[in-house]
Amino acid sequence: MKKRPFKRFLIGADLHCSHRVGLTPPRFQSQIKGKKYYKIQNECYDWYAKELETLKPIDIYCLNGDLIDGDGGRSGGTELITTDIREQREMAGACISLSS
């Protein structure tokens, strides 16, 4: 493979994994009740996956901001798919892994 004369550096932020309208990998989408949020999650994730594919190869992917949504303390977690930080981390990891 021919070496490129440049590095592709992608910057992203605020995935908000676990929020009902945050970036949600398909395996977590079925946990949301109601077609409205499922449709939004599905369309956003599909768009994200397709855009990353067009940008490949990505050498460096810098994500900052809110990758996960946390425990939802202010609202009692009512707007979240899950308040489990480990599960939220899995969601974010699945989103990030699409870049490789």
PDB file of N, CA and C in Angstrom:
ATOM      1  N   MET A   1       0.835  -1.179   0.000  1.00  0.00           N
ATOM      2  CA  MET A   1       0.000   0.000   0.000  1.00  0.00           C
ATOM      3  C   MET A   1       0.883   1.247   0.000  1.00  0.00           C
ATOM      4  N   LYS A   2       0.541   2.175  -0.845  1.00  0.00           N
ATOM      5  CA  LYS A   2       1.314   3.407  -0.961  1.00  0.00           C
ATOM      6  C   LYS A   2       1.069   4.300   0.255  1.00  0.00           C
ATOM      7  N   LYS A   3       2.150   4.839   0.787  1.00  0.00           N
ATOM      8  CA  LYS A   3       2.048   5.724   1.940  1.00  0.00           C
ATOM      9  C   LYS A   3       1.528   7.095   1.507  1.00  0.00           C
ATOM     10  N   ARG A   4       0.557   7.590   2.253  1.00  0.00           N
ATOM     11  CA  ARG A   4       0.001   8.911   1.945  1.00  0.00           C
ATOM     12  C   ARG A   4       0.925   9.999   2.475  1.00  0.00           C
ATOM     13  N   PRO A   5       0.977  11.146   1.807  1.00  0.00           N
ATOM     14  CA  PRO A   5       1.839  12.244   2.254  1.00  0.00           C
ATOM     15  C   PRO A   5       1.165  13.112   3.334  1.00  0.00           C
ATOM     16  N   PHE A   6       0.117  12.605   3.940  1.00  0.00           N
ATOM     17  CA  PHE A   6      -0.600  13.389   4.957  1.00  0.00           C
ATOM     18  C   PHE A   6      -1.247  12.441   5.960  1.00  0.00           C
ATOM     19  N   LYS A   7      -1.678  13.002   7.064  1.00  0.00           N
ATOM     20  CA  LYS A   7      -2.450  12.267   8.073  1.00  0.00           C
ATOM     21  C   LYS A   7      -3.854  12.844   8.088  1.00  0.00           C
ATOM     22  N   ARG A   8      -4.832  11.978   8.182  1.00  0.00           N
ATOM     23  CA  ARG A   8      -6.225  12.433   8.279  1.00  0.00           C
ATOM     24  C   ARG A   8      -6.594  12.489   9.758  1.00  0.00           C
ATOM     25  N   PHE A   9      -6.923  13.693  10.207  1.00  0.00           N
ATOM     26  CA  PHE A   9      -7.230  13.982  11.605  1.00  0.00           C
ATOM     27  C   PHE A   9      -8.690  14.422  11.684  1.00  0.00           C
ATOM     28  N   LEU A  10      -9.500  13.645  12.370  1.00  0.00           N
ATOM     29  CA  LEU A  10     -10.923  13.942  12.490  1.00  0.00           C
ATOM     30  C   LEU A  10     -11.228  14.383  13.914  1.00  0.00           C
ATOM     31  N   ILE A  11     -11.942  15.471  14.042  1.00  0.00           N
ATOM     32  CA  ILE A  11     -12.341  15.977  15.357  1.00  0.00           C
ATOM     33  C   ILE A  11     -13.856  15.871  15.478  1.00  0.00           C
ATOM     34  N   GLY A  12     -14.302  15.325  16.576  1.00  0.00           N
ATOM     35  CA  GLY A  12     -15.733  15.198  16.831  1.00  0.00           C
ATOM     36  C   GLY A  12     -16.029  15.477  18.291  1.00  0.00           C
ATOM     37  N   ALA A  13     -17.296  15.618  18.608  1.00  0.00           N
ATOM     38  CA  ALA A  13     -17.660  15.904  19.997  1.00  0.00           C
ATOM     39  C   ALA A  13     -19.125  15.585  20.249  1.00  0.00           C
ATOM     40  N   ASP A  14     -19.438  15.457  21.524  1.00  0.00           N
ATOM     41  CA  ASP A  14     -20.818  15.402  22.004  1.00  0.00           C
ATOM     42  C   ASP A  14     -21.658  14.296  21.384  1.00  0.00           C
ATOM     43  N   LEU A  15     -21.206  13.057  21.527  1.00  0.00           N
ATOM     44  CA  LEU A  15     -21.998  11.925  21.048  1.00  0.00           C
ATOM     45  C   LEU A  15     -23.236  11.704  21.929  1.00  0.00           C
ATOM     46  N   HIS A  16     -23.123  12.025  23.197  1.00  0.00           N
ATOM     47  CA  HIS A  16     -24.217  11.871  24.161  1.00  0.00           C
ATOM     48  C   HIS A  16     -24.803  10.462  24.143  1.00  0.00           C
ATOM     49  N   CYS A  17     -23.926   9.452  24.097  1.00  0.00           N
ATOM     50  CA  CYS A  17     -24.387   8.073  24.119  1.00  0.00           C
ATOM     51  C   CYS A  17     -25.194   7.810  25.385  1.00  0.00           C
ATOM     52  N   SER A  18     -26.325   7.220  25.226  1.00  0.00           N
ATOM     53  CA  SER A  18     -27.304   6.830  26.233  1.00  0.00           C
ATOM     54  C   SER A  18     -28.464   7.803  26.341  1.00  0.00           C
ATOM     55  N   HIS A  19     -28.323   9.005  25.805  1.00  0.00           N
ATOM     56  CA  HIS A  19     -29.489   9.882  25.774  1.00  0.00           C
ATOM     57  C   HIS A  19     -30.431   9.332  24.705  1.00  0.00           C
ATOM     58  N   ARG A  20     -31.718   9.473  24.908  1.00  0.00           N
ATOM     59  CA  ARG A  20     -32.662   8.865  23.968  1.00  0.00           C
ATOM     60  C   ARG A  20     -32.544   9.420  22.551  1.00  0.00           C
ATOM     61  N   VAL A  21     -31.946  10.600  22.381  1.00  0.00           N
ATOM     62  CA  VAL A  21     -31.660  11.092  21.030  1.00  0.00           C
ATOM     63  C   VAL A  21     -30.165  11.295  20.814  1.00  0.00           C
ATOM     64  N   GLY A  22     -29.334  10.647  21.629  1.00  0.00           N
ATOM     65  CA  GLY A  22     -27.889  10.667  21.435  1.00  0.00           C
ATOM     66  C   GLY A  22     -27.498   9.624  20.405  1.00  0.00           C
ATOM     67  N   LEU A  23     -26.230   9.568  20.056  1.00  0.00           N
ATOM     68  CA  LEU A  23     -25.745   8.584  19.086  1.00  0.00           C
ATOM     69  C   LEU A  23     -25.852   7.196  19.720  1.00  0.00           C
ATOM     70  N   THR A  24     -26.618   6.326  19.083  1.00  0.00           N
ATOM     71  CA  THR A  24     -26.939   5.022  19.679  1.00  0.00           C
ATOM     72  C   THR A  24     -26.682   3.901  18.686  1.00  0.00           C
ATOM     73  N   PRO A  25     -25.721   3.012  18.991  1.00  0.00           N
ATOM     74  CA  PRO A  25     -25.469   1.865  18.125  1.00  0.00           C
ATOM     75  C   PRO A  25     -26.713   0.977  18.027  1.00  0.00           C
ATOM     76  N   PRO A  26     -26.900   0.294  16.897  1.00  0.00           N
ATOM     77  CA  PRO A  26     -28.105  -0.499  16.671  1.00  0.00           C
ATOM     78  C   PRO A  26     -28.466  -1.472  17.791  1.00  0.00           C
ATOM     79  N   ARG A  27     -27.486  -2.125  18.389  1.00  0.00           N
ATOM     80  CA  ARG A  27     -27.837  -3.125  19.408  1.00  0.00           C
ATOM     81  C   ARG A  27     -28.458  -2.517  20.659  1.00  0.00           C
ATOM     82  N   PHE A  28     -28.343  -1.210  20.833  1.00  0.00           N
ATOM     83  CA  PHE A  28     -28.950  -0.534  21.980  1.00  0.00           C
ATOM     84  C   PHE A  28     -30.255   0.179  21.612  1.00  0.00           C
ATOM     85  N   GLN A  29     -30.543   0.303  20.341  1.00  0.00           N
ATOM     86  CA  GLN A  29     -31.706   1.063  19.901  1.00  0.00           C
ATOM     87  C   GLN A  29     -33.026   0.435  20.300  1.00  0.00           C
ATOM     88  N   SER A  30     -33.100  -0.854  20.385  1.00  0.00           N
ATOM     89  CA  SER A  30     -34.363  -1.514  20.695  1.00  0.00           C
ATOM     90  C   SER A  30     -34.798  -1.280  22.149  1.00  0.00           C
ATOM     91  N   GLN A  31     -33.926  -0.725  22.965  1.00  0.00           N
ATOM     92  CA  GLN A  31     -34.262  -0.489  24.360  1.00  0.00           C
ATOM     93  C   GLN A  31     -35.155   0.737  24.548  1.00  0.00           C
ATOM     94  N   ILE A  32     -35.307   1.499  23.507  1.00  0.00           N
ATOM     95  CA  ILE A  32     -36.134   2.691  23.606  1.00  0.00           C
ATOM     96  C   ILE A  32     -37.564   2.346  23.255  1.00  0.00           C
ATOM     97  N   LYS A  33     -38.487   2.813  24.064  1.00  0.00           N
ATOM     98  CA  LYS A  33     -39.902   2.599  23.780  1.00  0.00           C
ATOM     99  C   LYS A  33     -40.401   3.730  22.895  1.00  0.00           C
ATOM    100  N   GLY A  34     -41.151   3.349  21.876  1.00  0.00           N
ATOM    101  CA  GLY A  34     -41.729   4.353  20.983  1.00  0.00           C
ATOM    102  C   GLY A  34     -40.965   4.477  19.685  1.00  0.00           C
ATOM    103  N   LYS A  35     -41.689   4.568  18.590  1.00  0.00           N
ATOM    104  CA  LYS A  35     -41.084   4.636  17.265  1.00  0.00           C
ATOM    105  C   LYS A  35     -40.357   5.946  17.013  1.00  0.00           C
ATOM    106  N   LYS A  36     -40.803   7.013  17.637  1.00  0.00           N
ATOM    107  CA  LYS A  36     -40.222   8.339  17.409  1.00  0.00           C
ATOM    108  C   LYS A  36     -38.714   8.340  17.698  1.00  0.00           C
ATOM    109  N   TYR A  37     -38.333   7.879  18.884  1.00  0.00           N
ATOM    110  CA  TYR A  37     -36.914   7.900  19.249  1.00  0.00           C
ATOM    111  C   TYR A  37     -36.118   6.847  18.499  1.00  0.00           C
ATOM    112  N   TYR A  38     -36.719   5.695  18.263  1.00  0.00           N
ATOM    113  CA  TYR A  38     -36.033   4.656  17.512  1.00  0.00           C
ATOM    114  C   TYR A  38     -35.672   5.169  16.124  1.00  0.00           C
ATOM    115  N   LYS A  39     -36.602   5.849  15.471  1.00  0.00           N
ATOM    116  CA  LYS A  39     -36.363   6.368  14.126  1.00  0.00           C
ATOM    117  C   LYS A  39     -35.227   7.391  14.124  1.00  0.00           C
ATOM    118  N   ILE A  40     -35.235   8.288  15.096  1.00  0.00           N
ATOM    119  CA  ILE A  40     -34.178   9.300  15.201  1.00  0.00           C
ATOM    120  C   ILE A  40     -32.828   8.631  15.430  1.00  0.00           C
ATOM    121  N   GLN A  41     -32.778   7.692  16.358  1.00  0.00           N
ATOM    122  CA  GLN A  41     -31.523   6.994  16.653  1.00  0.00           C
ATOM    123  C   GLN A  41     -31.007   6.269  15.421  1.00  0.00           C
ATOM    124  N   ASN A  42     -31.909   5.583  14.738  1.00  0.00           N
ATOM    125  CA  ASN A  42     -31.534   4.804  13.574  1.00  0.00           C
ATOM    126  C   ASN A  42     -30.986   5.693  12.469  1.00  0.00           C
ATOM    127  N   GLU A  43     -31.682   6.774  12.168  1.00  0.00           N
ATOM    128  CA  GLU A  43     -31.246   7.683  11.104  1.00  0.00           C
ATOM    129  C   GLU A  43     -29.915   8.353  11.447  1.00  0.00           C
ATOM    130  N   CYS A  44     -29.758   8.798  12.677  1.00  0.00           N
ATOM    131  CA  CYS A  44     -28.511   9.471  13.084  1.00  0.00           C
ATOM    132  C   CYS A  44     -27.330   8.514  13.036  1.00  0.00           C
ATOM    133  N   TYR A  45     -27.529   7.293  13.542  1.00  0.00           N
ATOM    134  CA  TYR A  45     -26.428   6.341  13.556  1.00  0.00           C
ATOM    135  C   TYR A  45     -26.043   5.937  12.134  1.00  0.00           C
ATOM    136  N   ASP A  46     -27.037   5.714  11.286  1.00  0.00           N
ATOM    137  CA  ASP A  46     -26.739   5.370   9.889  1.00  0.00           C
ATOM    138  C   ASP A  46     -25.962   6.483   9.205  1.00  0.00           C
ATOM    139  N   TRP A  47     -26.371   7.742   9.436  1.00  0.00           N
ATOM    140  CA  TRP A  47     -25.664   8.879   8.846  1.00  0.00           C
ATOM    141  C   TRP A  47     -24.216   8.921   9.339  1.00  0.00           C
ATOM    142  N   TYR A  48     -24.041   8.778  10.650  1.00  0.00           N
ATOM    143  CA  TYR A  48     -22.711   8.798  11.269  1.00  0.00           C
ATOM    144  C   TYR A  48     -21.823   7.711  10.659  1.00  0.00           C
ATOM    145  N   ALA A  49     -22.337   6.495  10.565  1.00  0.00           N
ATOM    146  CA  ALA A  49     -21.555   5.371  10.033  1.00  0.00           C
ATOM    147  C   ALA A  49     -21.161   5.615   8.574  1.00  0.00           C
ATOM    148  N   LYS A  50     -22.088   6.125   7.784  1.00  0.00           N
ATOM    149  CA  LYS A  50     -21.800   6.393   6.365  1.00  0.00           C
ATOM    150  C   LYS A  50     -20.772   7.508   6.209  1.00  0.00           C
ATOM    151  N   GLU A  51     -20.884   8.558   7.010  1.00  0.00           N
ATOM    152  CA  GLU A  51     -19.926   9.666   6.933  1.00  0.00           C
ATOM    153  C   GLU A  51     -18.527   9.209   7.328  1.00  0.00           C
ATOM    154  N   LEU A  52     -18.424   8.417   8.394  1.00  0.00           N
ATOM    155  CA  LEU A  52     -17.104   7.910   8.780  1.00  0.00           C
ATOM    156  C   LEU A  52     -16.503   7.059   7.670  1.00  0.00           C
ATOM    157  N   GLU A  53     -17.334   6.275   7.032  1.00  0.00           N
ATOM    158  CA  GLU A  53     -16.851   5.411   5.948  1.00  0.00           C
ATOM    159  C   GLU A  53     -16.270   6.238   4.803  1.00  0.00           C
ATOM    160  N   THR A  54     -16.902   7.350   4.479  1.00  0.00           N
ATOM    161  CA  THR A  54     -16.396   8.188   3.385  1.00  0.00           C
ATOM    162  C   THR A  54     -15.091   8.888   3.749  1.00  0.00           C
ATOM    163  N   LEU A  55     -14.832   9.059   5.031  1.00  0.00           N
ATOM    164  CA  LEU A  55     -13.625   9.756   5.476  1.00  0.00           C
ATOM    165  C   LEU A  55     -12.428   8.829   5.675  1.00  0.00           C
ATOM    166  N   LYS A  56     -12.645   7.544   5.632  1.00  0.00           N
ATOM    167  CA  LYS A  56     -11.552   6.593   5.876  1.00  0.00           C
ATOM    168  C   LYS A  56     -10.526   6.644   4.766  1.00  0.00           C
ATOM    169  N   PRO A  57      -9.276   6.392   5.085  1.00  0.00           N
ATOM    170  CA  PRO A  57      -8.759   6.001   6.384  1.00  0.00           C
ATOM    171  C   PRO A  57      -8.567   7.206   7.313  1.00  0.00           C
ATOM    172  N   ILE A  58      -8.952   7.021   8.540  1.00  0.00           N
ATOM    173  CA  ILE A  58      -8.791   8.056   9.563  1.00  0.00           C
ATOM    174  C   ILE A  58      -7.581   7.667  10.413  1.00  0.00           C
ATOM    175  N   ASP A  59      -6.591   8.531  10.448  1.00  0.00           N
ATOM    176  CA  ASP A  59      -5.385   8.233  11.214  1.00  0.00           C
ATOM    177  C   ASP A  59      -5.534   8.587  12.686  1.00  0.00           C
ATOM    178  N   ILE A  60      -6.159   9.707  12.948  1.00  0.00           N
ATOM    179  CA  ILE A  60      -6.346  10.174  14.329  1.00  0.00           C
ATOM    180  C   ILE A  60      -7.779  10.656  14.471  1.00  0.00           C
ATOM    181  N   TYR A  61      -8.456  10.138  15.486  1.00  0.00           N
ATOM    182  CA  TYR A  61      -9.851  10.532  15.738  1.00  0.00           C
ATOM    183  C   TYR A  61      -9.897  11.127  17.133  1.00  0.00           C
ATOM    184  N   CYS A  62     -10.090  12.425  17.195  1.00  0.00           N
ATOM    185  CA  CYS A  62     -10.112  13.141  18.478  1.00  0.00           C
ATOM    186  C   CYS A  62     -11.567  13.450  18.836  1.00  0.00           C
ATOM    187  N   LEU A  63     -12.030  12.855  19.911  1.00  0.00           N
ATOM    188  CA  LEU A  63     -13.392  13.106  20.382  1.00  0.00           C
ATOM    189  C   LEU A  63     -13.312  13.804  21.732  1.00  0.00           C
ATOM    190  N   ASN A  64     -14.042  14.895  21.859  1.00  0.00           N
ATOM    191  CA  ASN A  64     -14.083  15.581  23.144  1.00  0.00           C
ATOM    192  C   ASN A  64     -15.530  15.937  23.450  1.00  0.00           C
ATOM    193  N   GLY A  65     -15.762  16.497  24.572  1.00  0.00           N
ATOM    194  CA  GLY A  65     -17.131  16.832  24.950  1.00  0.00           C
ATOM    195  C   GLY A  65     -17.807  15.658  25.628  1.00  0.00           C
ATOM    196  N   ASP A  66     -19.102  15.601  25.523  1.00  0.00           N
ATOM    197  CA  ASP A  66     -19.890  14.595  26.227  1.00  0.00           C
ATOM    198  C   ASP A  66     -20.035  13.334  25.383  1.00  0.00           C
ATOM    199  N   LEU A  67     -19.142  12.368  25.598  1.00  0.00           N
ATOM    200  CA  LEU A  67     -19.263  11.106  24.875  1.00  0.00           C
ATOM    201  C   LEU A  67     -20.398  10.269  25.440  1.00  0.00           C
ATOM    202  N   ILE A  68     -20.595  10.331  26.751  1.00  0.00           N
ATOM    203  CA  ILE A  68     -21.715   9.643  27.396  1.00  0.00           C
ATOM    204  C   ILE A  68     -22.549  10.672  28.146  1.00  0.00           C
ATOM    205  N   ASP A  69     -23.726  10.278  28.579  1.00  0.00           N
ATOM    206  CA  ASP A  69     -24.632  11.240  29.204  1.00  0.00           C
ATOM    207  C   ASP A  69     -24.657  11.173  30.733  1.00  0.00           C
ATOM    208  N   GLY A  70     -23.996  10.202  31.328  1.00  0.00           N
ATOM    209  CA  GLY A  70     -23.919  10.144  32.791  1.00  0.00           C
ATOM    210  C   GLY A  70     -25.171   9.566  33.423  1.00  0.00           C
ATOM    211  N   ASP A  71     -25.347   9.856  34.701  1.00  0.00           N
ATOM    212  CA  ASP A  71     -26.432   9.218  35.459  1.00  0.00           C
ATOM    213  C   ASP A  71     -27.762   9.958  35.378  1.00  0.00           C
ATOM    214  N   GLY A  72     -27.791  11.083  34.720  1.00  0.00           N
ATOM    215  CA  GLY A  72     -29.043  11.828  34.569  1.00  0.00           C
ATOM    216  C   GLY A  72     -29.582  12.337  35.891  1.00  0.00           C
ATOM    217  N   GLY A  73     -28.691  12.762  36.766  1.00  0.00           N
ATOM    218  CA  GLY A  73     -29.072  13.196  38.112  1.00  0.00           C
ATOM    219  C   GLY A  73     -30.134  14.287  38.153  1.00  0.00           C
ATOM    220  N   ARG A  74     -30.041  15.241  37.281  1.00  0.00           N
ATOM    221  CA  ARG A  74     -31.000  16.362  37.306  1.00  0.00           C
ATOM    222  C   ARG A  74     -32.428  15.926  36.967  1.00  0.00           C
ATOM    223  N   SER A  75     -32.534  14.986  36.033  1.00  0.00           N
ATOM    224  CA  SER A  75     -33.871  14.580  35.588  1.00  0.00           C
ATOM    225  C   SER A  75     -34.282  13.212  36.123  1.00  0.00           C
ATOM    226  N   GLY A  76     -33.423  12.635  36.947  1.00  0.00           N
ATOM    227  CA  GLY A  76     -33.727  11.298  37.445  1.00  0.00           C
ATOM    228  C   GLY A  76     -33.516  10.218  36.399  1.00  0.00           C
ATOM    229  N   GLY A  77     -32.809  10.541  35.342  1.00  0.00           N
ATOM    230  CA  GLY A  77     -32.509   9.567  34.293  1.00  0.00           C
ATOM    231  C   GLY A  77     -33.656   9.314  33.331  1.00  0.00           C
ATOM    232  N   THR A  78     -34.680  10.133  33.380  1.00  0.00           N
ATOM    233  CA  THR A  78     -35.869   9.891  32.556  1.00  0.00           C
ATOM    234  C   THR A  78     -35.617  10.024  31.057  1.00  0.00           C
ATOM    235  N   GLU A  79     -34.578  10.763  30.669  1.00  0.00           N
ATOM    236  CA  GLU A  79     -34.303  10.944  29.244  1.00  0.00           C
ATOM    237  C   GLU A  79     -33.231   9.984  28.729  1.00  0.00           C
ATOM    238  N   LEU A  80     -32.803   9.047  29.566  1.00  0.00           N
ATOM    239  CA  LEU A  80     -31.719   8.143  29.199  1.00  0.00           C
ATOM    240  C   LEU A  80     -32.209   6.752  28.833  1.00  0.00           C
ATOM    241  N   ILE A  81     -31.455   6.087  27.991  1.00  0.00           N
ATOM    242  CA  ILE A  81     -31.698   4.680  27.681  1.00  0.00           C
ATOM    243  C   ILE A  81     -31.307   3.856  28.901  1.00  0.00           C
ATOM    244  N   THR A  82     -30.155   4.185  29.468  1.00  0.00           N
ATOM    245  CA  THR A  82     -29.665   3.516  30.667  1.00  0.00           C
ATOM    246  C   THR A  82     -28.837   4.504  31.481  1.00  0.00           C
ATOM    247  N   THR A  83     -28.861   4.344  32.787  1.00  0.00           N
ATOM    248  CA  THR A  83     -28.028   5.177  33.651  1.00  0.00           C
ATOM    249  C   THR A  83     -26.734   4.454  34.013  1.00  0.00           C
ATOM    250  N   ASP A  84     -26.559   3.243  33.527  1.00  0.00           N
ATOM    251  CA  ASP A  84     -25.368   2.432  33.801  1.00  0.00           C
ATOM    252  C   ASP A  84     -24.189   2.977  32.990  1.00  0.00           C
ATOM    253  N   ILE A  85     -23.212   3.527  33.691  1.00  0.00           N
ATOM    254  CA  ILE A  85     -22.045   4.143  33.039  1.00  0.00           C
ATOM    255  C   ILE A  85     -21.278   3.121  32.199  1.00  0.00           C
ATOM    256  N   ARG A  86     -21.184   1.884  32.654  1.00  0.00           N
ATOM    257  CA  ARG A  86     -20.464   0.855  31.877  1.00  0.00           C
ATOM    258  C   ARG A  86     -21.152   0.603  30.536  1.00  0.00           C
ATOM    259  N   GLU A  87     -22.469   0.556  30.557  1.00  0.00           N
ATOM    260  CA  GLU A  87     -23.206   0.340  29.321  1.00  0.00           C
ATOM    261  C   GLU A  87     -23.077   1.555  28.393  1.00  0.00           C
ATOM    262  N   GLN A  88     -23.091   2.739  28.962  1.00  0.00           N
ATOM    263  CA  GLN A  88     -22.894   3.953  28.172  1.00  0.00           C
ATOM    264  C   GLN A  88     -21.515   3.940  27.526  1.00  0.00           C
ATOM    265  N   ARG A  89     -20.539   3.469  28.282  1.00  0.00           N
ATOM    266  CA  ARG A  89     -19.172   3.376  27.758  1.00  0.00           C
ATOM    267  C   ARG A  89     -19.113   2.381  26.593  1.00  0.00           C
ATOM    268  N   GLU A  90     -19.862   1.296  26.685  1.00  0.00           N
ATOM    269  CA  GLU A  90     -19.936   0.333  25.581  1.00  0.00           C
ATOM    270  C   GLU A  90     -20.507   0.992  24.325  1.00  0.00           C
ATOM    271  N   MET A  91     -21.547   1.795  24.514  1.00  0.00           N
ATOM    272  CA  MET A  91     -22.156   2.503  23.386  1.00  0.00           C
ATOM    273  C   MET A  91     -21.130   3.413  22.707  1.00  0.00           C
ATOM    274  N   ALA A  92     -20.449   4.210  23.512  1.00  0.00           N
ATOM    275  CA  ALA A  92     -19.455   5.128  22.962  1.00  0.00           C
ATOM    276  C   ALA A  92     -18.332   4.366  22.271  1.00  0.00           C
ATOM    277  N   GLY A  93     -17.890   3.270  22.869  1.00  0.00           N
ATOM    278  CA  GLY A  93     -16.848   2.453  22.269  1.00  0.00           C
ATOM    279  C   GLY A  93     -17.256   1.896  20.909  1.00  0.00           C
ATOM    280  N   ALA A  94     -18.518   1.472  20.810  1.00  0.00           N
ATOM    281  CA  ALA A  94     -19.019   0.966  19.532  1.00  0.00           C
ATOM    282  C   ALA A  94     -19.035   2.069  18.476  1.00  0.00           C
ATOM    283  N   CYS A  95     -19.396   3.270  18.872  1.00  0.00           N
ATOM    284  CA  CYS A  95     -19.400   4.411  17.933  1.00  0.00           C
ATOM    285  C   CYS A  95     -17.989   4.740  17.478  1.00  0.00           C
ATOM    286  N   ILE A  96     -17.054   4.747  18.405  1.00  0.00           N
ATOM    287  CA  ILE A  96     -15.664   5.084  18.099  1.00  0.00           C
ATOM    288  C   ILE A  96     -15.024   4.015  17.207  1.00  0.00           C
ATOM    289  N   SER A  97     -15.365   2.757  17.456  1.00  0.00           N
ATOM    290  CA  SER A  97     -14.736   1.661  16.703  1.00  0.00           C
ATOM    291  C   SER A  97     -15.073   1.700  15.212  1.00  0.00           C
ATOM    292  N   LEU A  98     -16.123   2.404  14.834  1.00  0.00           N
ATOM    293  CA  LEU A  98     -16.460   2.521  13.415  1.00  0.00           C
ATOM    294  C   LEU A  98     -15.403   3.292  12.644  1.00  0.00           C
ATOM    295  N   SER A  99     -14.584   4.044  13.336  1.00  0.00           N
ATOM    296  CA  SER A  99     -13.580   4.874  12.651  1.00  0.00           C
ATOM    297  C   SER A  99     -12.376   4.077  12.192  1.00  0.00           C
ATOM    298  N   SER A 100     -12.199   2.863  12.706  1.00  0.00           N
ATOM    299  CA  SER A 100     -11.011   2.089  12.316  1.00  0.00           C
ATOM    300  C   SER A 100     -11.259   1.156  11.164  1.00  0.00           C
TER     301      SER A 100
END
